[in-house]
Amino acid sequence: MSETGTTVPGPRAGGATVAVDPAESAWADYVAAARQLDGVRRAAATAAGEQARSVAAAREELTAVRERLAPQQARLRELGLPAISLVPTPPEVTEAARSMAGGPAAVLAALRAAGGWADAADDTLSARGLPRLARWPARPRNLLVYGPLALVVPLLQLALYALAGAGPVTALALLVGLPLPAVAFMLGWLAVGRLFRPRPTDRVDRTPRFGALVCLIPAVLTAAVLLLAMLPG
């Protein structure tokens, strides 16, 4: 537009010209800038909201971790651990600060990891007797349950044969003992789940095939030995 208020033609591709209204062009630029500013404002508000939620969650997690660590520290002192061992060393403090340098989200992740370590410490401190065996390899641990149950009936049958000899009483004991390996296996399966579970939410590997073999092999061997002993010479 010229000084007299007339529209100034603008360039067009191919050498042609088109009339461009400076007011419309300025308005389009203003709308584009406003939209961009609104997008930036919304992104900033979302980031601020997420950061505020992370800060609140980190504070709650910090309170929970402190409540967990206080009784553990007292318990460790009762067990004779020196107090100096319960204080983090400068390198540990530096490493922890470096891992949380990413802001509230990184702090929250670090605190949740500390909560997991506190859970593991609770399990270790409370593990005594049979719960401590829960950390053994599954087969040796379960053998402590399946093995004695599997030997009860064969030992009784051998003792009965030693007392009564090759007679109808021993034969009846063999017949009665046929289904008992399955009973021993079921009892062992239940006992393994009861005895070797560190926490109610944990699942225990009961090694069912291994347990079935442990319960079956002594019964089969005992039955074979008694049958051979009862055969007429």
Protein backbone atom coordinates (compact mmCIF):
# COMPACT_ATOMS: atom_id res chain seq x y z
CA MET A 1 0.00 0.00 0.00
CA SER A 2 1.34 3.40 -0.94
CA GLU A 3 1.34 6.57 1.15
CA THR A 4 -2.04 7.41 -0.34
CA GLY A 5 -3.63 4.27 1.08
CA THR A 6 -3.70 2.18 -2.06
CA THR A 7 -2.82 -1.53 -1.97
CA VAL A 8 0.70 -2.31 -3.11
CA PRO A 9 0.91 -5.33 -5.40
CA GLY A 10 3.10 -8.11 -4.09
CA PRO A 11 5.25 -10.47 -6.13
CA ARG A 12 3.71 -13.66 -7.48
CA ALA A 13 5.47 -16.74 -8.79
CA GLY A 14 6.23 -16.57 -12.45
CA GLY A 15 6.62 -12.83 -12.49
CA ALA A 16 2.96 -11.95 -11.83
CA THR A 17 2.00 -9.74 -8.90
CA VAL A 18 -0.75 -10.06 -6.29
CA ALA A 19 -2.11 -7.45 -3.94
CA VAL A 20 -0.95 -7.98 -0.29
CA ASP A 21 -2.70 -6.16 2.54
CA PRO A 22 -0.10 -5.31 5.23
CA ALA A 23 -2.81 -5.36 7.92
CA GLU A 24 -3.87 -8.90 7.03
CA SER A 25 -0.24 -10.04 6.91
CA ALA A 26 0.45 -8.52 10.34
CA TRP A 27 -2.69 -10.17 11.74
CA ALA A 28 -1.63 -13.58 10.41
CA ASP A 29 1.79 -13.14 11.98
CA TYR A 30 0.17 -12.15 15.25
CA VAL A 31 -2.12 -15.20 15.27
CA ALA A 32 0.80 -17.54 14.55
CA ALA A 33 2.88 -16.00 17.33
CA ALA A 34 -0.07 -16.20 19.76
CA ARG A 35 -0.59 -19.86 18.95
CA GLN A 36 3.09 -20.59 19.44
CA LEU A 37 3.09 -18.71 22.74
CA ASP A 38 0.01 -20.63 23.90
CA GLY A 39 1.71 -23.93 23.05
CA VAL A 40 4.79 -22.93 25.03
CA ARG A 41 2.62 -21.85 27.96
CA ARG A 42 0.71 -25.15 27.96
CA ALA A 43 3.93 -27.18 27.77
CA ALA A 44 5.40 -25.17 30.64
CA ALA A 45 2.24 -25.67 32.73
CA THR A 46 2.29 -29.43 32.06
CA ALA A 47 5.97 -29.68 32.96
CA ALA A 48 5.40 -27.66 36.12
CA GLY A 49 2.48 -29.90 37.11
CA GLU A 50 4.49 -33.06 36.54
CA GLN A 51 7.39 -31.63 38.51
CA ALA A 52 5.09 -30.70 41.39
CA ARG A 53 3.64 -34.22 41.44
CA SER A 54 7.14 -35.71 41.38
CA VAL A 55 8.19 -33.48 44.28
CA ALA A 56 5.14 -34.51 46.34
CA ALA A 57 5.71 -38.20 45.59
CA ALA A 58 9.41 -37.86 46.44
CA ARG A 59 8.57 -36.30 49.79
CA GLU A 60 6.17 -39.13 50.62
CA GLU A 61 8.73 -41.73 49.54
CA LEU A 62 11.43 -40.02 51.60
CA THR A 63 9.23 -40.12 54.70
CA ALA A 64 8.48 -43.80 54.14
CA VAL A 65 12.15 -44.70 53.62
CA ARG A 66 13.17 -42.82 56.77
CA GLU A 67 10.54 -44.69 58.77
CA ARG A 68 11.88 -47.97 57.41
CA LEU A 69 15.53 -47.19 58.05
CA ALA A 70 15.18 -46.07 61.67
CA PRO A 71 14.15 -49.50 63.08
CA GLN A 72 16.64 -51.26 60.81
CA GLN A 73 19.44 -49.08 62.16
CA ALA A 74 18.41 -49.86 65.73
CA ARG A 75 18.24 -53.57 64.94
CA LEU A 76 21.69 -53.57 63.37
CA ARG A 77 23.13 -51.82 66.41
CA GLU A 78 21.54 -54.49 68.62
CA LEU A 79 23.27 -57.12 66.50
CA GLY A 80 26.62 -55.47 67.23
CA LEU A 81 27.25 -53.56 64.02
CA PRO A 82 29.42 -50.46 64.67
CA ALA A 83 27.59 -47.15 64.35
CA ILE A 84 30.24 -45.84 61.95
CA SER A 85 29.28 -48.59 59.49
CA LEU A 86 25.74 -47.22 59.33
CA VAL A 87 26.89 -43.79 58.09
CA PRO A 88 27.40 -43.36 54.32
CA THR A 89 30.93 -42.59 53.22
CA PRO A 90 31.75 -39.41 51.25
CA PRO A 91 32.11 -41.33 47.94
CA GLU A 92 28.70 -42.91 48.52
CA VAL A 93 27.17 -39.49 49.21
CA THR A 94 28.77 -38.08 46.05
CA GLU A 95 27.50 -40.99 43.94
CA ALA A 96 23.99 -40.62 45.37
CA ALA A 97 23.99 -36.87 44.66
CA ARG A 98 25.13 -37.53 41.09
CA SER A 99 22.32 -40.04 40.53
CA MET A 100 19.72 -37.53 41.70
CA ALA A 101 20.99 -34.56 39.69
CA GLY A 102 18.28 -35.01 37.08
CA GLY A 103 15.58 -33.33 39.13
CA PRO A 104 12.56 -34.55 41.14
CA ALA A 105 11.92 -37.53 38.85
CA ALA A 106 15.47 -38.81 39.37
CA VAL A 107 15.16 -38.25 43.13
CA LEU A 108 11.90 -40.21 43.18
CA ALA A 109 13.48 -43.10 41.25
CA ALA A 110 16.43 -43.18 43.65
CA LEU A 111 14.13 -43.18 46.68
CA ARG A 112 12.06 -46.03 45.25
CA ALA A 113 15.26 -47.99 44.68
CA ALA A 114 16.19 -47.31 48.31
CA GLY A 115 12.78 -48.64 49.33
CA GLY A 116 13.54 -51.87 47.46
CA TRP A 117 16.86 -52.19 49.27
CA ALA A 118 15.03 -51.63 52.56
CA ASP A 119 12.67 -54.49 51.68
CA ALA A 120 15.64 -56.75 51.01
CA ALA A 121 17.22 -55.71 54.30
CA ASP A 122 13.99 -56.52 56.16
CA ASP A 123 13.94 -59.97 54.58
CA THR A 124 17.55 -60.57 55.58
CA LEU A 125 17.04 -59.39 59.16
CA SER A 126 13.86 -61.42 59.62
CA ALA A 127 15.19 -64.57 57.94
CA ARG A 128 15.92 -67.10 60.65
CA GLY A 129 15.59 -70.87 60.68
CA LEU A 130 13.40 -72.13 57.83
CA PRO A 131 12.87 -68.71 56.20
CA ARG A 132 16.63 -68.49 55.78
CA LEU A 133 16.55 -71.74 53.84
CA ALA A 134 14.26 -70.01 51.34
CA ARG A 135 17.40 -68.59 49.75
CA TRP A 136 18.90 -72.01 49.12
CA PRO A 137 18.73 -73.56 45.63
CA ALA A 138 15.25 -75.00 45.13
CA ARG A 139 16.07 -78.72 44.89
CA PRO A 140 18.37 -79.08 47.92
CA ARG A 141 15.99 -76.95 49.94
CA ASN A 142 12.87 -78.90 48.95
CA LEU A 143 14.68 -82.20 49.51
CA LEU A 144 14.64 -81.36 53.23
CA VAL A 145 10.84 -81.68 53.06
CA TYR A 146 10.18 -84.29 50.37
CA GLY A 147 12.93 -86.62 51.58
CA PRO A 148 11.72 -87.34 55.15
CA LEU A 149 8.11 -87.67 53.99
CA ALA A 150 9.15 -90.10 51.26
CA LEU A 151 11.04 -92.31 53.76
CA VAL A 152 8.28 -92.63 56.38
CA VAL A 153 6.25 -95.41 54.72
CA PRO A 154 9.21 -97.46 53.35
CA LEU A 155 10.89 -97.46 56.75
CA LEU A 156 7.66 -98.60 58.40
CA GLN A 157 7.27 -101.36 55.83
CA LEU A 158 10.83 -102.57 56.36
CA ALA A 159 10.38 -102.50 60.14
CA LEU A 160 7.14 -104.45 59.81
CA TYR A 161 8.84 -107.03 57.61
CA ALA A 162 11.65 -107.35 60.13
CA LEU A 163 9.12 -108.04 62.88
CA ALA A 164 6.45 -110.09 61.07
CA GLY A 165 8.48 -111.73 58.34
CA ALA A 166 7.16 -112.73 54.92
CA GLY A 167 3.51 -113.09 55.76
CA PRO A 168 0.09 -111.62 55.06
CA VAL A 169 0.79 -108.64 57.30
CA THR A 170 3.73 -107.55 55.19
CA ALA A 171 1.79 -108.14 51.99
CA LEU A 172 -1.03 -105.97 53.32
CA ALA A 173 1.46 -103.28 54.22
CA LEU A 174 2.76 -103.33 50.66
CA LEU A 175 -0.75 -102.93 49.24
CA VAL A 176 -1.61 -100.14 51.65
CA GLY A 177 1.66 -98.37 50.82
CA LEU A 178 1.01 -98.18 47.07
CA PRO A 179 -0.90 -94.83 47.08
CA LEU A 180 1.10 -93.31 49.94
CA PRO A 181 3.89 -91.81 47.77
CA ALA A 182 1.25 -89.57 46.21
CA VAL A 183 0.11 -88.56 49.69
CA ALA A 184 3.70 -87.83 50.70
CA PHE A 185 4.17 -85.70 47.60
CA MET A 186 1.04 -83.63 48.28
CA LEU A 187 2.06 -83.07 51.90
CA GLY A 188 5.53 -82.05 50.79
CA TRP A 189 4.15 -79.71 48.12
CA LEU A 190 2.03 -77.93 50.72
CA ALA A 191 4.82 -77.85 53.30
CA VAL A 192 7.35 -76.32 50.88
CA GLY A 193 4.96 -73.46 50.16
CA ARG A 194 4.37 -72.89 53.85
CA LEU A 195 7.90 -73.17 55.15
CA PHE A 196 10.02 -71.50 52.49
CA ARG A 197 8.04 -68.39 51.61
CA PRO A 198 9.91 -65.27 52.83
CA ARG A 199 6.88 -63.02 52.31
CA PRO A 200 3.19 -63.76 51.65
CA THR A 201 3.41 -62.21 48.17
CA ASP A 202 6.37 -64.34 47.06
CA ARG A 203 6.02 -67.49 44.98
CA VAL A 204 8.04 -70.55 45.93
CA ASP A 205 9.49 -73.01 43.43
CA ARG A 206 8.09 -76.33 44.67
CA THR A 207 9.97 -78.39 42.02
CA PRO A 208 7.00 -80.77 41.55
CA ARG A 209 8.75 -83.24 39.20
CA PHE A 210 11.74 -83.51 41.48
CA GLY A 211 9.46 -83.91 44.50
CA ALA A 212 7.44 -86.65 42.79
CA LEU A 213 10.61 -88.60 42.00
CA VAL A 214 11.91 -88.20 45.55
CA CYS A 215 8.63 -89.55 46.94
CA LEU A 216 8.32 -92.36 44.42
CA ILE A 217 11.82 -93.86 44.26
CA PRO A 218 12.08 -95.02 47.92
CA ALA A 219 8.62 -96.61 47.73
CA VAL A 220 9.46 -98.47 44.51
CA LEU A 221 12.81 -99.71 45.82
CA THR A 222 11.29 -100.84 49.12
CA ALA A 223 8.46 -102.66 47.36
CA ALA A 224 10.94 -104.43 45.06
CA VAL A 225 13.13 -105.49 47.98
CA LEU A 226 10.17 -106.81 49.99
CA LEU A 227 8.71 -108.66 47.01
CA LEU A 228 12.04 -110.35 46.35
CA ALA A 229 12.35 -111.24 50.02
CA MET A 230 8.84 -112.68 50.11
CA LEU A 231 9.32 -114.89 47.07
CA PRO A 232 9.76 -118.54 47.96
CA GLY A 233 13.41 -119.56 47.95
